């Protein structure tokens, strides 16, 4: 029990120590601190691919005003940061409407706000391809299309959808799963 409390304190300290920068893609409501916290949370994913590159699709709704511009900015931010466990990040923007046509390797989908409007499309895609989805938008939890919701609003909030994680084959460390909120 004491070890668990010690680990919880370390995890919270590490996530709260994220630097707060100006908001990337402010119109989309995604800040650099959200992206950093999401990548750190992925470091607790036991089923994370073991090679040196993590492929991230940044999913945006083409109907969302400036969605493509926001996704492009976030892709740039992700490609310039270090991924979980020192992995290289390779991000690309993917329109929500073209998600089912996405080819190539994808390990993670980062869903921009508004992506949950067609939750069944996202849910079907991640289940079929066994891809983890992550967002800073709480609406994705209610829609059942993101495995992790990670957002920073002064504090770091992480919610794990355990049923969706199981359905995509995502296995997080036991301690991490005990430390975060679960849906």
C-alpha atoms as a PDB file:
ATOM      1  CA  UNK A   1       0.000   0.000   0.000  1.00  0.00           C
ATOM      2  CA  UNK A   2       2.803   2.372   0.903  1.00  0.00           C
ATOM      3  CA  UNK A   3       4.535   1.590  -2.419  1.00  0.00           C
ATOM      4  CA  UNK A   4       1.310   2.349  -4.289  1.00  0.00           C
ATOM      5  CA  UNK A   5       0.955   5.727  -2.567  1.00  0.00           C
ATOM      6  CA  UNK A   6       4.605   6.505  -3.292  1.00  0.00           C
ATOM      7  CA  UNK A   7       4.147   5.628  -6.970  1.00  0.00           C
ATOM      8  CA  UNK A   8       0.963   7.733  -7.138  1.00  0.00           C
ATOM      9  CA  UNK A   9       2.876  10.722  -5.778  1.00  0.00           C
ATOM     10  CA  UNK A  10       5.670  10.209  -8.320  1.00  0.00           C
ATOM     11  CA  UNK A  11       3.200   9.851 -11.213  1.00  0.00           C
ATOM     12  CA  UNK A  12       1.254  12.947 -10.235  1.00  0.00           C
ATOM     13  CA  UNK A  13       4.437  14.949  -9.732  1.00  0.00           C
ATOM     14  CA  UNK A  14       5.804  13.880 -13.123  1.00  0.00           C
ATOM     15  CA  UNK A  15       2.606  14.759 -14.953  1.00  0.00           C
ATOM     16  CA  UNK A  16       2.100  18.041 -13.096  1.00  0.00           C
ATOM     17  CA  UNK A  17       5.700  19.063 -13.769  1.00  0.00           C
ATOM     18  CA  UNK A  18       4.914  19.392 -17.454  1.00  0.00           C
ATOM     19  CA  UNK A  19       5.843  22.841 -18.665  1.00  0.00           C
ATOM     20  CA  UNK A  20       2.921  25.027 -19.610  1.00  0.00           C
ATOM     21  CA  UNK A  21       3.456  26.753 -22.963  1.00  0.00           C
ATOM     22  CA  UNK A  22       1.221  28.816 -25.159  1.00  0.00           C
ATOM     23  CA  UNK A  23      -1.641  26.853 -26.636  1.00  0.00           C
ATOM     24  CA  UNK A  24      -0.936  25.020 -29.865  1.00  0.00           C
ATOM     25  CA  UNK A  25      -3.931  25.131 -32.148  1.00  0.00           C
ATOM     26  CA  UNK A  26      -5.813  27.252 -29.620  1.00  0.00           C
ATOM     27  CA  UNK A  27      -8.936  27.206 -31.737  1.00  0.00           C
ATOM     28  CA  UNK A  28      -9.049  23.432 -31.355  1.00  0.00           C
ATOM     29  CA  UNK A  29      -8.519  23.710 -27.609  1.00  0.00           C
ATOM     30  CA  UNK A  30      -5.393  21.549 -27.599  1.00  0.00           C
ATOM     31  CA  UNK A  31      -2.341  22.874 -25.808  1.00  0.00           C
ATOM     32  CA  UNK A  32       1.238  21.668 -25.858  1.00  0.00           C
ATOM     33  CA  UNK A  33       0.815  20.585 -22.237  1.00  0.00           C
ATOM     34  CA  UNK A  34      -2.106  18.340 -23.320  1.00  0.00           C
ATOM     35  CA  UNK A  35       0.105  16.723 -25.956  1.00  0.00           C
ATOM     36  CA  UNK A  36       3.000  16.250 -23.536  1.00  0.00           C
ATOM     37  CA  UNK A  37       0.758  14.720 -20.872  1.00  0.00           C
ATOM     38  CA  UNK A  38      -0.793  12.393 -23.472  1.00  0.00           C
ATOM     39  CA  UNK A  39       2.628  11.184 -24.629  1.00  0.00           C
ATOM     40  CA  UNK A  40       3.754  10.618 -21.044  1.00  0.00           C
ATOM     41  CA  UNK A  41       0.566   8.674 -20.299  1.00  0.00           C
ATOM     42  CA  UNK A  42       1.287   6.467 -23.305  1.00  0.00           C
ATOM     43  CA  UNK A  43       4.582   5.565 -21.637  1.00  0.00           C
ATOM     44  CA  UNK A  44       2.522   3.404 -19.251  1.00  0.00           C
ATOM     45  CA  UNK A  45       1.074   1.404 -22.132  1.00  0.00           C
ATOM     46  CA  UNK A  46       2.540  -2.100 -21.850  1.00  0.00           C
ATOM     47  CA  UNK A  47       1.331  -2.947 -25.359  1.00  0.00           C
ATOM     48  CA  UNK A  48       3.169   0.009 -26.930  1.00  0.00           C
ATOM     49  CA  UNK A  49       5.144  -1.024 -30.035  1.00  0.00           C
ATOM     50  CA  UNK A  50       8.753  -1.768 -29.152  1.00  0.00           C
ATOM     51  CA  UNK A  51      10.549  -0.296 -32.142  1.00  0.00           C
ATOM     52  CA  UNK A  52      11.860   3.272 -32.049  1.00  0.00           C
ATOM     53  CA  UNK A  53       9.023   5.106 -33.820  1.00  0.00           C
ATOM     54  CA  UNK A  54       5.460   5.766 -32.722  1.00  0.00           C
ATOM     55  CA  UNK A  55       3.046   6.604 -35.554  1.00  0.00           C
ATOM     56  CA  UNK A  56       0.318   9.055 -34.536  1.00  0.00           C
ATOM     57  CA  UNK A  57      -2.683  10.042 -36.619  1.00  0.00           C
ATOM     58  CA  UNK A  58      -4.114  13.443 -35.686  1.00  0.00           C
ATOM     59  CA  UNK A  59      -7.801  13.155 -36.548  1.00  0.00           C
ATOM     60  CA  UNK A  60      -9.778  16.288 -37.309  1.00  0.00           C
ATOM     61  CA  UNK A  61     -13.247  16.981 -38.607  1.00  0.00           C
ATOM     62  CA  UNK A  62     -13.074  18.649 -42.018  1.00  0.00           C
ATOM     63  CA  UNK A  63     -16.330  20.392 -41.172  1.00  0.00           C
ATOM     64  CA  UNK A  64     -14.782  21.964 -38.046  1.00  0.00           C
ATOM     65  CA  UNK A  65     -13.640  25.519 -38.729  1.00  0.00           C
ATOM     66  CA  UNK A  66      -9.851  25.542 -39.160  1.00  0.00           C
ATOM     67  CA  UNK A  67      -9.737  21.812 -38.351  1.00  0.00           C
ATOM     68  CA  UNK A  68      -7.046  21.045 -40.910  1.00  0.00           C
ATOM     69  CA  UNK A  69      -4.926  24.029 -39.845  1.00  0.00           C
ATOM     70  CA  UNK A  70      -5.189  22.991 -36.183  1.00  0.00           C
ATOM     71  CA  UNK A  71      -4.300  19.393 -37.038  1.00  0.00           C
ATOM     72  CA  UNK A  72      -1.310  20.542 -39.095  1.00  0.00           C
ATOM     73  CA  UNK A  73      -0.048  22.657 -36.201  1.00  0.00           C
ATOM     74  CA  UNK A  74      -0.448  19.759 -33.772  1.00  0.00           C
ATOM     75  CA  UNK A  75       1.356  17.418 -36.177  1.00  0.00           C
ATOM     76  CA  UNK A  76       4.276  19.868 -36.156  1.00  0.00           C
ATOM     77  CA  UNK A  77       4.276  19.995 -32.356  1.00  0.00           C
ATOM     78  CA  UNK A  78       4.184  16.193 -32.062  1.00  0.00           C
ATOM     79  CA  UNK A  79       6.917  15.671 -34.652  1.00  0.00           C
ATOM     80  CA  UNK A  80       9.187  18.032 -32.708  1.00  0.00           C
ATOM     81  CA  UNK A  81       8.768  16.362 -29.318  1.00  0.00           C
ATOM     82  CA  UNK A  82      10.091  13.132 -27.897  1.00  0.00           C
ATOM     83  CA  UNK A  83       7.573  10.357 -27.556  1.00  0.00           C
ATOM     84  CA  UNK A  84       7.015   7.987 -24.659  1.00  0.00           C
ATOM     85  CA  UNK A  85      10.054   5.987 -23.596  1.00  0.00           C
ATOM     86  CA  UNK A  86      12.292   8.094 -25.882  1.00  0.00           C
ATOM     87  CA  UNK A  87      10.478   7.042 -29.040  1.00  0.00           C
ATOM     88  CA  UNK A  88      10.536   9.164 -32.153  1.00  0.00           C
ATOM     89  CA  UNK A  89       7.088  10.490 -33.006  1.00  0.00           C
ATOM     90  CA  UNK A  90       5.855  10.489 -36.585  1.00  0.00           C
ATOM     91  CA  UNK A  91       2.525  12.291 -36.808  1.00  0.00           C
ATOM     92  CA  UNK A  92       0.226  12.956 -39.736  1.00  0.00           C
ATOM     93  CA  UNK A  93      -3.102  14.731 -40.082  1.00  0.00           C
ATOM     94  CA  UNK A  94      -6.068  12.561 -41.052  1.00  0.00           C
ATOM     95  CA  UNK A  95      -9.509  13.969 -41.847  1.00  0.00           C
ATOM     96  CA  UNK A  96     -12.261  12.226 -39.901  1.00  0.00           C
ATOM     97  CA  UNK A  97     -14.172  11.737 -43.123  1.00  0.00           C
ATOM     98  CA  UNK A  98     -11.197   9.847 -44.616  1.00  0.00           C
ATOM     99  CA  UNK A  99     -10.305   7.803 -41.541  1.00  0.00           C
ATOM    100  CA  UNK A 100     -11.661   4.541 -42.929  1.00  0.00           C
ATOM    101  CA  UNK A 101      -9.345   4.951 -45.938  1.00  0.00           C
ATOM    102  CA  UNK A 102      -6.184   5.517 -43.859  1.00  0.00           C
ATOM    103  CA  UNK A 103      -3.398   3.186 -44.895  1.00  0.00           C
ATOM    104  CA  UNK A 104      -0.040   2.422 -43.366  1.00  0.00           C
ATOM    105  CA  UNK A 105       1.007   1.987 -39.803  1.00  0.00           C
ATOM    106  CA  UNK A 106      -0.818   3.852 -37.056  1.00  0.00           C
ATOM    107  CA  UNK A 107      -0.178   3.148 -33.374  1.00  0.00           C
ATOM    108  CA  UNK A 108      -2.198   5.973 -31.835  1.00  0.00           C
ATOM    109  CA  UNK A 109      -4.984   8.314 -32.896  1.00  0.00           C
ATOM    110  CA  UNK A 110      -5.078  11.739 -31.275  1.00  0.00           C
ATOM    111  CA  UNK A 111      -8.666  12.939 -31.681  1.00  0.00           C
ATOM    112  CA  UNK A 112      -9.182  16.675 -31.914  1.00  0.00           C
ATOM    113  CA  UNK A 113     -12.301  18.121 -30.297  1.00  0.00           C
ATOM    114  CA  UNK A 114     -15.277  17.477 -32.549  1.00  0.00           C
ATOM    115  CA  UNK A 115     -14.004  14.067 -33.662  1.00  0.00           C
ATOM    116  CA  UNK A 116     -16.520  12.343 -31.422  1.00  0.00           C
ATOM    117  CA  UNK A 117     -19.354  13.552 -33.652  1.00  0.00           C
ATOM    118  CA  UNK A 118     -18.988  10.326 -35.632  1.00  0.00           C
ATOM    119  CA  UNK A 119     -17.932   8.114 -32.749  1.00  0.00           C
ATOM    120  CA  UNK A 120     -19.004   4.904 -34.474  1.00  0.00           C
ATOM    121  CA  UNK A 121     -16.558   5.573 -37.345  1.00  0.00           C
ATOM    122  CA  UNK A 122     -13.694   6.125 -34.896  1.00  0.00           C
ATOM    123  CA  UNK A 123     -14.728   3.220 -32.650  1.00  0.00           C
ATOM    124  CA  UNK A 124     -14.980   0.784 -35.547  1.00  0.00           C
ATOM    125  CA  UNK A 125     -11.609   1.912 -36.911  1.00  0.00           C
ATOM    126  CA  UNK A 126      -9.690   1.582 -33.636  1.00  0.00           C
ATOM    127  CA  UNK A 127     -11.239  -1.795 -32.846  1.00  0.00           C
ATOM    128  CA  UNK A 128     -10.510  -3.163 -36.310  1.00  0.00           C
ATOM    129  CA  UNK A 129      -6.908  -1.909 -36.356  1.00  0.00           C
ATOM    130  CA  UNK A 130      -6.209  -2.335 -32.596  1.00  0.00           C
ATOM    131  CA  UNK A 131      -5.170   1.285 -32.207  1.00  0.00           C
ATOM    132  CA  UNK A 132      -5.348   3.324 -29.033  1.00  0.00           C
ATOM    133  CA  UNK A 133      -7.242   6.605 -29.278  1.00  0.00           C
ATOM    134  CA  UNK A 134      -6.564   9.561 -27.052  1.00  0.00           C
ATOM    135  CA  UNK A 135      -8.077  13.035 -26.765  1.00  0.00           C
ATOM    136  CA  UNK A 136      -8.261  16.016 -24.487  1.00  0.00           C
ATOM    137  CA  UNK A 137     -11.991  16.339 -25.230  1.00  0.00           C
ATOM    138  CA  UNK A 138     -14.256  14.904 -22.484  1.00  0.00           C
ATOM    139  CA  UNK A 139     -17.004  14.411 -25.100  1.00  0.00           C
ATOM    140  CA  UNK A 140     -15.006  11.506 -26.526  1.00  0.00           C
ATOM    141  CA  UNK A 141     -15.582   9.541 -23.312  1.00  0.00           C
ATOM    142  CA  UNK A 142     -19.337   9.886 -23.493  1.00  0.00           C
ATOM    143  CA  UNK A 143     -19.244   8.977 -27.165  1.00  0.00           C
ATOM    144  CA  UNK A 144     -17.126   5.890 -26.457  1.00  0.00           C
ATOM    145  CA  UNK A 145     -14.427   6.655 -28.999  1.00  0.00           C
ATOM    146  CA  UNK A 146     -11.312   7.370 -26.929  1.00  0.00           C
ATOM    147  CA  UNK A 147      -9.382   4.946 -24.776  1.00  0.00           C
ATOM    148  CA  UNK A 148      -7.722   7.768 -22.850  1.00  0.00           C
ATOM    149  CA  UNK A 149      -8.889  11.288 -22.166  1.00  0.00           C
ATOM    150  CA  UNK A 150      -5.947  13.405 -21.045  1.00  0.00           C
ATOM    151  CA  UNK A 151      -6.252  17.116 -20.456  1.00  0.00           C
ATOM    152  CA  UNK A 152      -4.425  19.758 -18.521  1.00  0.00           C
ATOM    153  CA  UNK A 153      -6.427  22.557 -16.994  1.00  0.00           C
ATOM    154  CA  UNK A 154      -4.153  23.611 -14.167  1.00  0.00           C
ATOM    155  CA  UNK A 155      -4.023  19.967 -13.111  1.00  0.00           C
ATOM    156  CA  UNK A 156      -3.687  16.819 -15.178  1.00  0.00           C
ATOM    157  CA  UNK A 157      -6.855  14.774 -15.621  1.00  0.00           C
ATOM    158  CA  UNK A 158      -6.613  11.268 -17.050  1.00  0.00           C
ATOM    159  CA  UNK A 159      -9.608   8.993 -17.607  1.00  0.00           C
ATOM    160  CA  UNK A 160      -9.248   5.444 -18.948  1.00  0.00           C
ATOM    161  CA  UNK A 161     -12.149   3.732 -20.736  1.00  0.00           C
ATOM    162  CA  UNK A 162     -11.315   0.188 -19.617  1.00  0.00           C
ATOM    163  CA  UNK A 163     -13.871  -1.554 -21.840  1.00  0.00           C
ATOM    164  CA  UNK A 164     -12.611   0.230 -24.953  1.00  0.00           C
ATOM    165  CA  UNK A 165      -8.991  -0.396 -23.939  1.00  0.00           C
ATOM    166  CA  UNK A 166      -9.763  -4.119 -23.700  1.00  0.00           C
ATOM    167  CA  UNK A 167     -11.481  -4.136 -27.089  1.00  0.00           C
ATOM    168  CA  UNK A 168      -8.442  -2.609 -28.842  1.00  0.00           C
ATOM    169  CA  UNK A 169      -5.933  -4.748 -26.935  1.00  0.00           C
ATOM    170  CA  UNK A 170      -4.386  -1.860 -24.980  1.00  0.00           C
ATOM    171  CA  UNK A 171      -2.732  -3.051 -21.782  1.00  0.00           C
ATOM    172  CA  UNK A 172      -1.617  -0.401 -19.320  1.00  0.00           C
ATOM    173  CA  UNK A 173       0.569  -1.039 -16.320  1.00  0.00           C
ATOM    174  CA  UNK A 174      -1.485  -2.099 -13.326  1.00  0.00           C
ATOM    175  CA  UNK A 175      -0.262   0.780 -11.222  1.00  0.00           C
ATOM    176  CA  UNK A 176      -1.215   3.312 -13.919  1.00  0.00           C
ATOM    177  CA  UNK A 177      -4.685   1.798 -14.232  1.00  0.00           C
ATOM    178  CA  UNK A 178      -5.105   2.096 -10.460  1.00  0.00           C
ATOM    179  CA  UNK A 179      -3.971   5.730 -10.433  1.00  0.00           C
ATOM    180  CA  UNK A 180      -6.269   7.182 -13.079  1.00  0.00           C
ATOM    181  CA  UNK A 181     -10.009   7.627 -13.189  1.00  0.00           C
ATOM    182  CA  UNK A 182     -11.776   4.803 -14.985  1.00  0.00           C
ATOM    183  CA  UNK A 183     -14.935   4.821 -16.994  1.00  0.00           C
END
